[in-house]
Amino acid sequence: MSRRKDRERFLAMKRENPDYVGFRNSDQDSIQTVDAPYQAVVCSRCGKKRNVAPEVAQEQGANYVCMSCLEEGGAEVEQPEEVNA
């Protein structure tokens, strides 16, 4: 599309809605940043870095095993043993 047509379309939208700022707003203040909902953790089996929920990262820590390794290992999943006192 030409600049003229783009400008005409923008002005038509602006007439219909005075608050319209355009599809690609140049105002950087209106862009909302999202906090990263995941943490990078290294799998203890394959050594690959995976993005996991912070709760999982905190709970499993250095013993984290990714889903790929769990599927390959099947029933060989190591569960932490509870010590009975």
PDB file of N, CA and C in Angstrom:
ATOM      1  N   MET A   1       0.827  -1.168   0.000  1.00  0.00           N
ATOM      2  CA  MET A   1       0.000   0.000   0.000  1.00  0.00           C
ATOM      3  C   MET A   1       0.882   1.246   0.000  1.00  0.00           C
ATOM      4  N   SER A   2       0.389   2.292  -0.597  1.00  0.00           N
ATOM      5  CA  SER A   2       1.169   3.525  -0.653  1.00  0.00           C
ATOM      6  C   SER A   2       1.037   4.298   0.657  1.00  0.00           C
ATOM      7  N   ARG A   3       1.932   5.225   0.858  1.00  0.00           N
ATOM      8  CA  ARG A   3       1.875   6.058   2.054  1.00  0.00           C
ATOM      9  C   ARG A   3       0.590   6.881   2.085  1.00  0.00           C
ATOM     10  N   ARG A   4       0.180   7.351   0.937  1.00  0.00           N
ATOM     11  CA  ARG A   4      -1.039   8.166   0.863  1.00  0.00           C
ATOM     12  C   ARG A   4      -2.237   7.352   1.340  1.00  0.00           C
ATOM     13  N   LYS A   5      -2.354   6.123   0.869  1.00  0.00           N
ATOM     14  CA  LYS A   5      -3.475   5.269   1.278  1.00  0.00           C
ATOM     15  C   LYS A   5      -3.390   4.929   2.764  1.00  0.00           C
ATOM     16  N   ASP A   6      -2.173   4.676   3.244  1.00  0.00           N
ATOM     17  CA  ASP A   6      -1.996   4.412   4.668  1.00  0.00           C
ATOM     18  C   ASP A   6      -2.451   5.605   5.493  1.00  0.00           C
ATOM     19  N   ARG A   7      -2.041   6.788   5.060  1.00  0.00           N
ATOM     20  CA  ARG A   7      -2.401   8.017   5.780  1.00  0.00           C
ATOM     21  C   ARG A   7      -3.917   8.243   5.748  1.00  0.00           C
ATOM     22  N   GLU A   8      -4.546   8.012   4.604  1.00  0.00           N
ATOM     23  CA  GLU A   8      -6.001   8.171   4.487  1.00  0.00           C
ATOM     24  C   GLU A   8      -6.734   7.190   5.400  1.00  0.00           C
ATOM     25  N   ARG A   9      -6.244   5.957   5.452  1.00  0.00           N
ATOM     26  CA  ARG A   9      -6.863   4.954   6.325  1.00  0.00           C
ATOM     27  C   ARG A   9      -6.705   5.349   7.791  1.00  0.00           C
ATOM     28  N   PHE A  10      -5.521   5.826   8.146  1.00  0.00           N
ATOM     29  CA  PHE A  10      -5.283   6.271   9.516  1.00  0.00           C
ATOM     30  C   PHE A  10      -6.211   7.416   9.891  1.00  0.00           C
ATOM     31  N   LEU A  11      -6.342   8.416   9.011  1.00  0.00           N
ATOM     32  CA  LEU A  11      -7.208   9.567   9.297  1.00  0.00           C
ATOM     33  C   LEU A  11      -8.677   9.154   9.407  1.00  0.00           C
ATOM     34  N   ALA A  12      -9.110   8.192   8.584  1.00  0.00           N
ATOM     35  CA  ALA A  12     -10.489   7.701   8.663  1.00  0.00           C
ATOM     36  C   ALA A  12     -10.728   7.018  10.010  1.00  0.00           C
ATOM     37  N   MET A  13      -9.789   6.206  10.450  1.00  0.00           N
ATOM     38  CA  MET A  13      -9.910   5.539  11.749  1.00  0.00           C
ATOM     39  C   MET A  13      -9.883   6.560  12.889  1.00  0.00           C
ATOM     40  N   LYS A  14      -9.068   7.591  12.728  1.00  0.00           N
ATOM     41  CA  LYS A  14      -8.947   8.634  13.738  1.00  0.00           C
ATOM     42  C   LYS A  14     -10.255   9.432  13.844  1.00  0.00           C
ATOM     43  N   ARG A  15     -10.942   9.649  12.714  1.00  0.00           N
ATOM     44  CA  ARG A  15     -12.224  10.356  12.732  1.00  0.00           C
ATOM     45  C   ARG A  15     -13.283   9.540  13.483  1.00  0.00           C
ATOM     46  N   GLU A  16     -13.273   8.216  13.279  1.00  0.00           N
ATOM     47  CA  GLU A  16     -14.240   7.349  13.943  1.00  0.00           C
ATOM     48  C   GLU A  16     -13.954   7.219  15.434  1.00  0.00           C
ATOM     49  N   ASN A  17     -12.690   7.168  15.782  1.00  0.00           N
ATOM     50  CA  ASN A  17     -12.290   7.000  17.176  1.00  0.00           C
ATOM     51  C   ASN A  17     -11.134   7.955  17.462  1.00  0.00           C
ATOM     52  N   PRO A  18     -11.397   9.081  18.144  1.00  0.00           N
ATOM     53  CA  PRO A  18     -10.344  10.072  18.397  1.00  0.00           C
ATOM     54  C   PRO A  18      -9.175   9.532  19.223  1.00  0.00           C
ATOM     55  N   ASP A  19      -9.381   8.452  19.979  1.00  0.00           N
ATOM     56  CA  ASP A  19      -8.306   7.874  20.787  1.00  0.00           C
ATOM     57  C   ASP A  19      -7.415   6.913  20.006  1.00  0.00           C
ATOM     58  N   TYR A  20      -7.752   6.638  18.752  1.00  0.00           N
ATOM     59  CA  TYR A  20      -6.985   5.700  17.934  1.00  0.00           C
ATOM     60  C   TYR A  20      -5.579   6.243  17.697  1.00  0.00           C
ATOM     61  N   VAL A  21      -4.562   5.439  17.986  1.00  0.00           N
ATOM     62  CA  VAL A  21      -3.171   5.882  17.831  1.00  0.00           C
ATOM     63  C   VAL A  21      -2.444   5.127  16.725  1.00  0.00           C
ATOM     64  N   GLY A  22      -3.099   4.187  16.105  1.00  0.00           N
ATOM     65  CA  GLY A  22      -2.469   3.436  15.028  1.00  0.00           C
ATOM     66  C   GLY A  22      -2.141   2.031  15.446  1.00  0.00           C
ATOM     67  N   PHE A  23      -1.993   1.165  14.451  1.00  0.00           N
ATOM     68  CA  PHE A  23      -1.694  -0.233  14.727  1.00  0.00           C
ATOM     69  C   PHE A  23      -0.317  -0.386  15.360  1.00  0.00           C
ATOM     70  N   ARG A  24       0.649   0.292  14.812  1.00  0.00           N
ATOM     71  CA  ARG A  24       2.005   0.255  15.348  1.00  0.00           C
ATOM     72  C   ARG A  24       2.285   1.574  16.038  1.00  0.00           C
ATOM     73  N   ASN A  25       1.978   1.599  17.285  1.00  0.00           N
ATOM     74  CA  ASN A  25       2.135   2.808  18.066  1.00  0.00           C
ATOM     75  C   ASN A  25       3.612   3.099  18.281  1.00  0.00           C
ATOM     76  N   SER A  26       4.043   4.309  18.005  1.00  0.00           N
ATOM     77  CA  SER A  26       5.445   4.668  18.197  1.00  0.00           C
ATOM     78  C   SER A  26       5.732   5.063  19.635  1.00  0.00           C
ATOM     79  N   ASP A  27       4.688   5.201  20.447  1.00  0.00           N
ATOM     80  CA  ASP A  27       4.859   5.577  21.841  1.00  0.00           C
ATOM     81  C   ASP A  27       5.335   4.367  22.634  1.00  0.00           C
ATOM     82  N   GLN A  28       6.581   4.369  23.090  1.00  0.00           N
ATOM     83  CA  GLN A  28       7.156   3.230  23.786  1.00  0.00           C
ATOM     84  C   GLN A  28       6.608   3.073  25.198  1.00  0.00           C
ATOM     85  N   ASP A  29       5.998   4.126  25.760  1.00  0.00           N
ATOM     86  CA  ASP A  29       5.461   4.038  27.113  1.00  0.00           C
ATOM     87  C   ASP A  29       4.259   3.113  27.191  1.00  0.00           C
ATOM     88  N   SER A  30       3.562   2.949  26.087  1.00  0.00           N
ATOM     89  CA  SER A  30       2.356   2.121  26.122  1.00  0.00           C
ATOM     90  C   SER A  30       2.666   0.632  26.040  1.00  0.00           C
ATOM     91  N   ILE A  31       3.892   0.276  25.711  1.00  0.00           N
ATOM     92  CA  ILE A  31       4.275  -1.128  25.630  1.00  0.00           C
ATOM     93  C   ILE A  31       4.476  -1.660  27.042  1.00  0.00           C
ATOM     94  N   GLN A  32       3.756  -2.716  27.366  1.00  0.00           N
ATOM     95  CA  GLN A  32       3.855  -3.294  28.697  1.00  0.00           C
ATOM     96  C   GLN A  32       4.854  -4.434  28.670  1.00  0.00           C
ATOM     97  N   THR A  33       5.743  -4.432  29.629  1.00  0.00           N
ATOM     98  CA  THR A  33       6.700  -5.519  29.726  1.00  0.00           C
ATOM     99  C   THR A  33       6.152  -6.569  30.682  1.00  0.00           C
ATOM    100  N   VAL A  34       6.364  -7.812  30.321  1.00  0.00           N
ATOM    101  CA  VAL A  34       5.876  -8.923  31.126  1.00  0.00           C
ATOM    102  C   VAL A  34       7.066  -9.525  31.849  1.00  0.00           C
ATOM    103  N   ASP A  35       6.925  -9.705  33.155  1.00  0.00           N
ATOM    104  CA  ASP A  35       7.993 -10.353  33.910  1.00  0.00           C
ATOM    105  C   ASP A  35       8.103 -11.806  33.445  1.00  0.00           C
ATOM    106  N   ALA A  36       9.319 -12.286  33.394  1.00  0.00           N
ATOM    107  CA  ALA A  36       9.547 -13.649  32.939  1.00  0.00           C
ATOM    108  C   ALA A  36       8.902 -14.627  33.923  1.00  0.00           C
ATOM    109  N   PRO A  37       7.896 -15.401  33.475  1.00  0.00           N
ATOM    110  CA  PRO A  37       7.241 -16.334  34.378  1.00  0.00           C
ATOM    111  C   PRO A  37       8.029 -17.632  34.549  1.00  0.00           C
ATOM    112  N   TYR A  38       9.161 -17.750  33.892  1.00  0.00           N
ATOM    113  CA  TYR A  38       9.944 -18.981  33.951  1.00  0.00           C
ATOM    114  C   TYR A  38      11.373 -18.690  34.367  1.00  0.00           C
ATOM    115  N   GLN A  39      12.043 -19.718  34.854  1.00  0.00           N
ATOM    116  CA  GLN A  39      13.455 -19.632  35.201  1.00  0.00           C
ATOM    117  C   GLN A  39      14.214 -20.680  34.406  1.00  0.00           C
ATOM    118  N   ALA A  40      15.432 -20.366  34.043  1.00  0.00           N
ATOM    119  CA  ALA A  40      16.273 -21.319  33.321  1.00  0.00           C
ATOM    120  C   ALA A  40      16.939 -22.250  34.328  1.00  0.00           C
ATOM    121  N   VAL A  41      16.783 -23.553  34.099  1.00  0.00           N
ATOM    122  CA  VAL A  41      17.369 -24.577  34.957  1.00  0.00           C
ATOM    123  C   VAL A  41      18.041 -25.602  34.061  1.00  0.00           C
ATOM    124  N   VAL A  42      19.179 -26.108  34.486  1.00  0.00           N
ATOM    125  CA  VAL A  42      19.907 -27.113  33.707  1.00  0.00           C
ATOM    126  C   VAL A  42      19.482 -28.501  34.157  1.00  0.00           C
ATOM    127  N   CYS A  43      19.140 -29.347  33.170  1.00  0.00           N
ATOM    128  CA  CYS A  43      18.741 -30.724  33.460  1.00  0.00           C
ATOM    129  C   CYS A  43      19.942 -31.492  33.999  1.00  0.00           C
ATOM    130  N   SER A  44      19.733 -32.255  35.058  1.00  0.00           N
ATOM    131  CA  SER A  44      20.837 -32.991  35.678  1.00  0.00           C
ATOM    132  C   SER A  44      21.253 -34.210  34.867  1.00  0.00           C
ATOM    133  N   ARG A  45      20.402 -34.663  33.927  1.00  0.00           N
ATOM    134  CA  ARG A  45      20.748 -35.828  33.105  1.00  0.00           C
ATOM    135  C   ARG A  45      21.398 -35.445  31.774  1.00  0.00           C
ATOM    136  N   CYS A  46      20.714 -34.597  31.004  1.00  0.00           N
ATOM    137  CA  CYS A  46      21.216 -34.282  29.661  1.00  0.00           C
ATOM    138  C   CYS A  46      22.032 -33.000  29.617  1.00  0.00           C
ATOM    139  N   GLY A  47      21.941 -32.165  30.639  1.00  0.00           N
ATOM    140  CA  GLY A  47      22.729 -30.938  30.696  1.00  0.00           C
ATOM    141  C   GLY A  47      22.166 -29.790  29.883  1.00  0.00           C
ATOM    142  N   LYS A  48      20.956 -29.946  29.328  1.00  0.00           N
ATOM    143  CA  LYS A  48      20.346 -28.876  28.548  1.00  0.00           C
ATOM    144  C   LYS A  48      19.631 -27.902  29.476  1.00  0.00           C
ATOM    145  N   LYS A  49      19.656 -26.632  29.072  1.00  0.00           N
ATOM    146  CA  LYS A  49      18.984 -25.600  29.843  1.00  0.00           C
ATOM    147  C   LYS A  49      17.514 -25.580  29.460  1.00  0.00           C
ATOM    148  N   ARG A  50      16.635 -25.614  30.446  1.00  0.00           N
ATOM    149  CA  ARG A  50      15.191 -25.632  30.229  1.00  0.00           C
ATOM    150  C   ARG A  50      14.542 -24.498  31.009  1.00  0.00           C
ATOM    151  N   ASN A  51      13.451 -23.955  30.462  1.00  0.00           N
ATOM    152  CA  ASN A  51      12.678 -22.933  31.149  1.00  0.00           C
ATOM    153  C   ASN A  51      11.556 -23.618  31.912  1.00  0.00           C
ATOM    154  N   VAL A  52      11.548 -23.428  33.216  1.00  0.00           N
ATOM    155  CA  VAL A  52      10.533 -24.053  34.061  1.00  0.00           C
ATOM    156  C   VAL A  52       9.925 -23.011  34.995  1.00  0.00           C
ATOM    157  N   ALA A  53       8.800 -23.352  35.578  1.00  0.00           N
ATOM    158  CA  ALA A  53       8.138 -22.465  36.535  1.00  0.00           C
ATOM    159  C   ALA A  53       9.065 -22.246  37.734  1.00  0.00           C
ATOM    160  N   PRO A  54       9.030 -21.058  38.319  1.00  0.00           N
ATOM    161  CA  PRO A  54       9.912 -20.780  39.462  1.00  0.00           C
ATOM    162  C   PRO A  54       9.714 -21.750  40.624  1.00  0.00           C
ATOM    163  N   GLU A  55       8.474 -22.217  40.830  1.00  0.00           N
ATOM    164  CA  GLU A  55       8.214 -23.157  41.923  1.00  0.00           C
ATOM    165  C   GLU A  55       8.964 -24.467  41.705  1.00  0.00           C
ATOM    166  N   VAL A  56       8.950 -24.956  40.463  1.00  0.00           N
ATOM    167  CA  VAL A  56       9.644 -26.201  40.128  1.00  0.00           C
ATOM    168  C   VAL A  56      11.149 -26.008  40.266  1.00  0.00           C
ATOM    169  N   ALA A  57      11.649 -24.880  39.799  1.00  0.00           N
ATOM    170  CA  ALA A  57      13.083 -24.602  39.880  1.00  0.00           C
ATOM    171  C   ALA A  57      13.540 -24.557  41.331  1.00  0.00           C
ATOM    172  N   GLN A  58      12.750 -23.945  42.179  1.00  0.00           N
ATOM    173  CA  GLN A  58      13.115 -23.838  43.586  1.00  0.00           C
ATOM    174  C   GLN A  58      12.987 -25.191  44.285  1.00  0.00           C
ATOM    175  N   GLU A  59      11.956 -25.951  43.943  1.00  0.00           N
ATOM    176  CA  GLU A  59      11.695 -27.233  44.588  1.00  0.00           C
ATOM    177  C   GLU A  59      12.755 -28.277  44.228  1.00  0.00           C
ATOM    178  N   GLN A  60      13.099 -28.378  42.933  1.00  0.00           N
ATOM    179  CA  GLN A  60      13.993 -29.438  42.484  1.00  0.00           C
ATOM    180  C   GLN A  60      15.446 -28.996  42.402  1.00  0.00           C
ATOM    181  N   GLY A  61      15.684 -27.728  42.138  1.00  0.00           N
ATOM    182  CA  GLY A  61      17.041 -27.189  42.139  1.00  0.00           C
ATOM    183  C   GLY A  61      17.989 -27.937  41.219  1.00  0.00           C
ATOM    184  N   ALA A  62      19.122 -28.397  41.763  1.00  0.00           N
ATOM    185  CA  ALA A  62      20.164 -29.065  40.980  1.00  0.00           C
ATOM    186  C   ALA A  62      19.759 -30.474  40.563  1.00  0.00           C
ATOM    187  N   ASN A  63      18.691 -31.013  41.123  1.00  0.00           N
ATOM    188  CA  ASN A  63      18.241 -32.369  40.789  1.00  0.00           C
ATOM    189  C   ASN A  63      17.172 -32.371  39.711  1.00  0.00           C
ATOM    190  N   TYR A  64      16.977 -31.255  39.023  1.00  0.00           N
ATOM    191  CA  TYR A  64      15.917 -31.147  38.015  1.00  0.00           C
ATOM    192  C   TYR A  64      16.184 -32.095  36.844  1.00  0.00           C
ATOM    193  N   VAL A  65      15.135 -32.820  36.419  1.00  0.00           N
ATOM    194  CA  VAL A  65      15.196 -33.700  35.253  1.00  0.00           C
ATOM    195  C   VAL A  65      14.105 -33.242  34.288  1.00  0.00           C
ATOM    196  N   CYS A  66      14.483 -32.939  33.038  1.00  0.00           N
ATOM    197  CA  CYS A  66      13.529 -32.409  32.064  1.00  0.00           C
ATOM    198  C   CYS A  66      12.550 -33.494  31.599  1.00  0.00           C
ATOM    199  N   MET A  67      11.480 -33.048  30.955  1.00  0.00           N
ATOM    200  CA  MET A  67      10.439 -33.966  30.487  1.00  0.00           C
ATOM    201  C   MET A  67      10.978 -34.948  29.440  1.00  0.00           C
ATOM    202  N   SER A  68      11.892 -34.504  28.593  1.00  0.00           N
ATOM    203  CA  SER A  68      12.463 -35.404  27.580  1.00  0.00           C
ATOM    204  C   SER A  68      13.191 -36.570  28.236  1.00  0.00           C
ATOM    205  N   CYS A  69      13.966 -36.259  29.252  1.00  0.00           N
ATOM    206  CA  CYS A  69      14.696 -37.319  29.955  1.00  0.00           C
ATOM    207  C   CYS A  69      13.747 -38.225  30.732  1.00  0.00           C
ATOM    208  N   LEU A  70      12.683 -37.646  31.274  1.00  0.00           N
ATOM    209  CA  LEU A  70      11.702 -38.463  31.997  1.00  0.00           C
ATOM    210  C   LEU A  70      11.015 -39.436  31.046  1.00  0.00           C
ATOM    211  N   GLU A  71      10.685 -38.985  29.833  1.00  0.00           N
ATOM    212  CA  GLU A  71      10.027 -39.853  28.857  1.00  0.00           C
ATOM    213  C   GLU A  71      10.961 -40.950  28.387  1.00  0.00           C
ATOM    214  N   GLU A  72      12.237 -40.629  28.189  1.00  0.00           N
ATOM    215  CA  GLU A  72      13.214 -41.636  27.760  1.00  0.00           C
ATOM    216  C   GLU A  72      13.459 -42.663  28.852  1.00  0.00           C
ATOM    217  N   GLY A  73      13.540 -42.172  30.091  1.00  0.00           N
ATOM    218  CA  GLY A  73      13.846 -43.046  31.215  1.00  0.00           C
ATOM    219  C   GLY A  73      12.676 -43.894  31.661  1.00  0.00           C
ATOM    220  N   GLY A  74      11.471 -43.471  31.336  1.00  0.00           N
ATOM    221  CA  GLY A  74      10.283 -44.224  31.740  1.00  0.00           C
ATOM    222  C   GLY A  74      10.151 -44.319  33.239  1.00  0.00           C
ATOM    223  N   ALA A  75      10.201 -45.523  33.766  1.00  0.00           N
ATOM    224  CA  ALA A  75      10.001 -45.761  35.199  1.00  0.00           C
ATOM    225  C   ALA A  75      11.273 -45.549  36.006  1.00  0.00           C
ATOM    226  N   GLU A  76      12.367 -45.173  35.356  1.00  0.00           N
ATOM    227  CA  GLU A  76      13.632 -44.995  36.045  1.00  0.00           C
ATOM    228  C   GLU A  76      13.753 -43.640  36.720  1.00  0.00           C
ATOM    229  N   VAL A  77      12.636 -43.014  37.011  1.00  0.00           N
ATOM    230  CA  VAL A  77      12.660 -41.697  37.622  1.00  0.00           C
ATOM    231  C   VAL A  77      13.132 -41.830  39.053  1.00  0.00           C
ATOM    232  N   GLU A  78      14.137 -41.037  39.382  1.00  0.00           N
ATOM    233  CA  GLU A  78      14.671 -41.092  40.735  1.00  0.00           C
ATOM    234  C   GLU A  78      13.832 -40.202  41.637  1.00  0.00           C
ATOM    235  N   GLN A  79      13.258 -40.800  42.651  1.00  0.00           N
ATOM    236  CA  GLN A  79      12.486 -40.053  43.630  1.00  0.00           C
ATOM    237  C   GLN A  79      13.351 -39.881  44.879  1.00  0.00           C
ATOM    238  N   PRO A  80      13.342 -38.699  45.460  1.00  0.00           N
ATOM    239  CA  PRO A  80      14.125 -38.521  46.673  1.00  0.00           C
ATOM    240  C   PRO A  80      13.550 -39.391  47.798  1.00  0.00           C
ATOM    241  N   GLU A  81      14.446 -40.063  48.510  1.00  0.00           N
ATOM    242  CA  GLU A  81      14.017 -40.958  49.581  1.00  0.00           C
ATOM    243  C   GLU A  81      13.812 -40.151  50.852  1.00  0.00           C
ATOM    244  N   GLU A  82      12.741 -40.459  51.572  1.00  0.00           N
ATOM    245  CA  GLU A  82      12.476 -39.787  52.831  1.00  0.00           C
ATOM    246  C   GLU A  82      13.176 -40.563  53.944  1.00  0.00           C
ATOM    247  N   VAL A  83      13.809 -39.828  54.815  1.00  0.00           N
ATOM    248  CA  VAL A  83      14.504 -40.444  55.942  1.00  0.00           C
ATOM    249  C   VAL A  83      13.550 -40.483  57.114  1.00  0.00           C
ATOM    250  N   ASN A  84      13.284 -41.683  57.604  1.00  0.00           N
ATOM    251  CA  ASN A  84      12.414 -41.837  58.775  1.00  0.00           C
ATOM    252  C   ASN A  84      13.240 -41.720  60.028  1.00  0.00           C
ATOM    253  N   ALA A  85      12.883 -40.780  60.868  1.00  0.00           N
ATOM    254  CA  ALA A  85      13.668 -40.572  62.078  1.00  0.00           C
ATOM    255  C   ALA A  85      12.997 -41.173  63.279  1.00  0.00           C
TER     256      ALA A  85
END
